[in-house]
């Protein structure tokens, strides 16, 4: 089976997410947040693919799973506290 991604401007209906999908997304977000709070960069790196992009507040994006090792310790980030 071949899948084609929609592009901006395509006239397609968004696909609804199931409660199972939403629960899985929430669990992944919490797993990531817990690893950041622990400053467990090895765990964070394992959660992302080689082509991952992580967007940080007021910082340029980090590109690539291995590049996540450069993510600064949680205490050094200003997350609007």
C-alpha atoms as a PDB file:
ATOM      1  CA  UNK A   1       0.000   0.000   0.000  1.00  0.00           C
ATOM      2  CA  UNK A   2       1.296   3.446  -0.897  1.00  0.00           C
ATOM      3  CA  UNK A   3       0.440   6.525   1.137  1.00  0.00           C
ATOM      4  CA  UNK A   4       0.573  10.056  -0.163  1.00  0.00           C
ATOM      5  CA  UNK A   5       0.947  12.968   2.241  1.00  0.00           C
ATOM      6  CA  UNK A   6      -1.382  15.940   1.909  1.00  0.00           C
ATOM      7  CA  UNK A   7       0.252  19.260   1.180  1.00  0.00           C
ATOM      8  CA  UNK A   8      -0.726  22.767   2.181  1.00  0.00           C
ATOM      9  CA  UNK A   9      -3.527  23.846  -0.124  1.00  0.00           C
ATOM     10  CA  UNK A  10      -4.775  20.310  -0.799  1.00  0.00           C
ATOM     11  CA  UNK A  11      -8.517  20.100  -0.300  1.00  0.00           C
ATOM     12  CA  UNK A  12      -8.584  17.125   2.092  1.00  0.00           C
ATOM     13  CA  UNK A  13     -10.486  16.487   5.272  1.00  0.00           C
ATOM     14  CA  UNK A  14      -8.355  16.034   8.393  1.00  0.00           C
ATOM     15  CA  UNK A  15      -8.333  12.520   9.759  1.00  0.00           C
ATOM     16  CA  UNK A  16      -9.946  12.208  13.167  1.00  0.00           C
ATOM     17  CA  UNK A  17      -7.883  10.707  15.955  1.00  0.00           C
ATOM     18  CA  UNK A  18      -9.348   7.963  18.086  1.00  0.00           C
ATOM     19  CA  UNK A  19      -9.282   8.057  21.873  1.00  0.00           C
ATOM     20  CA  UNK A  20      -6.608   5.345  21.655  1.00  0.00           C
ATOM     21  CA  UNK A  21      -4.503   7.595  19.381  1.00  0.00           C
ATOM     22  CA  UNK A  22      -4.919  10.559  21.736  1.00  0.00           C
ATOM     23  CA  UNK A  23      -3.973   8.447  24.758  1.00  0.00           C
ATOM     24  CA  UNK A  24      -0.838   7.221  22.963  1.00  0.00           C
ATOM     25  CA  UNK A  25       0.137  10.802  22.064  1.00  0.00           C
ATOM     26  CA  UNK A  26      -0.401  11.968  25.652  1.00  0.00           C
ATOM     27  CA  UNK A  27       1.674   9.044  26.969  1.00  0.00           C
ATOM     28  CA  UNK A  28       4.540   9.873  24.585  1.00  0.00           C
ATOM     29  CA  UNK A  29       4.444  13.533  25.624  1.00  0.00           C
ATOM     30  CA  UNK A  30       4.520  12.600  29.317  1.00  0.00           C
ATOM     31  CA  UNK A  31       7.344  10.092  28.754  1.00  0.00           C
ATOM     32  CA  UNK A  32       9.355  12.830  27.025  1.00  0.00           C
ATOM     33  CA  UNK A  33       8.562  15.426  29.701  1.00  0.00           C
ATOM     34  CA  UNK A  34       9.553  13.041  32.484  1.00  0.00           C
ATOM     35  CA  UNK A  35      12.883  12.320  30.769  1.00  0.00           C
ATOM     36  CA  UNK A  36      13.533  16.068  30.371  1.00  0.00           C
ATOM     37  CA  UNK A  37      12.755  16.657  34.063  1.00  0.00           C
ATOM     38  CA  UNK A  38      15.265  13.916  34.945  1.00  0.00           C
ATOM     39  CA  UNK A  39      17.774  15.295  32.417  1.00  0.00           C
ATOM     40  CA  UNK A  40      17.898  11.747  30.984  1.00  0.00           C
ATOM     41  CA  UNK A  41      19.294  12.644  27.566  1.00  0.00           C
ATOM     42  CA  UNK A  42      19.931   9.007  26.651  1.00  0.00           C
ATOM     43  CA  UNK A  43      16.216   8.238  27.082  1.00  0.00           C
ATOM     44  CA  UNK A  44      15.254  11.340  25.098  1.00  0.00           C
ATOM     45  CA  UNK A  45      17.621  10.436  22.268  1.00  0.00           C
ATOM     46  CA  UNK A  46      16.148   6.905  22.079  1.00  0.00           C
ATOM     47  CA  UNK A  47      12.625   8.356  21.682  1.00  0.00           C
ATOM     48  CA  UNK A  48      13.478  10.242  18.479  1.00  0.00           C
ATOM     49  CA  UNK A  49      14.273   9.071  14.959  1.00  0.00           C
ATOM     50  CA  UNK A  50      17.371  10.087  13.018  1.00  0.00           C
ATOM     51  CA  UNK A  51      15.361  12.749  11.162  1.00  0.00           C
ATOM     52  CA  UNK A  52      13.607  14.157  14.244  1.00  0.00           C
ATOM     53  CA  UNK A  53      13.275  17.887  14.812  1.00  0.00           C
ATOM     54  CA  UNK A  54      12.774  19.188  18.342  1.00  0.00           C
ATOM     55  CA  UNK A  55      11.568  22.751  18.761  1.00  0.00           C
ATOM     56  CA  UNK A  56      12.717  24.501  21.907  1.00  0.00           C
ATOM     57  CA  UNK A  57      11.381  27.760  23.286  1.00  0.00           C
ATOM     58  CA  UNK A  58      13.466  30.714  22.121  1.00  0.00           C
ATOM     59  CA  UNK A  59      16.107  28.427  20.607  1.00  0.00           C
ATOM     60  CA  UNK A  60      16.857  27.153  17.111  1.00  0.00           C
ATOM     61  CA  UNK A  61      15.487  23.660  16.418  1.00  0.00           C
ATOM     62  CA  UNK A  62      17.589  20.591  17.079  1.00  0.00           C
ATOM     63  CA  UNK A  63      17.727  18.306  14.024  1.00  0.00           C
ATOM     64  CA  UNK A  64      18.389  14.582  14.289  1.00  0.00           C
ATOM     65  CA  UNK A  65      18.005  12.152  17.159  1.00  0.00           C
ATOM     66  CA  UNK A  66      21.709  12.172  18.020  1.00  0.00           C
ATOM     67  CA  UNK A  67      21.736  15.979  18.021  1.00  0.00           C
ATOM     68  CA  UNK A  68      19.317  15.867  20.946  1.00  0.00           C
ATOM     69  CA  UNK A  69      22.344  15.108  23.096  1.00  0.00           C
ATOM     70  CA  UNK A  70      23.122  18.831  22.767  1.00  0.00           C
ATOM     71  CA  UNK A  71      19.849  19.741  24.488  1.00  0.00           C
ATOM     72  CA  UNK A  72      20.808  21.870  27.507  1.00  0.00           C
ATOM     73  CA  UNK A  73      20.053  20.625  31.016  1.00  0.00           C
ATOM     74  CA  UNK A  74      16.518  21.438  32.134  1.00  0.00           C
ATOM     75  CA  UNK A  75      17.762  23.848  34.786  1.00  0.00           C
ATOM     76  CA  UNK A  76      19.503  25.925  32.094  1.00  0.00           C
ATOM     77  CA  UNK A  77      16.358  26.364  29.987  1.00  0.00           C
ATOM     78  CA  UNK A  78      13.899  29.164  30.567  1.00  0.00           C
ATOM     79  CA  UNK A  79      10.480  27.659  29.957  1.00  0.00           C
ATOM     80  CA  UNK A  80       8.581  30.765  31.018  1.00  0.00           C
ATOM     81  CA  UNK A  81       9.107  30.165  34.698  1.00  0.00           C
END
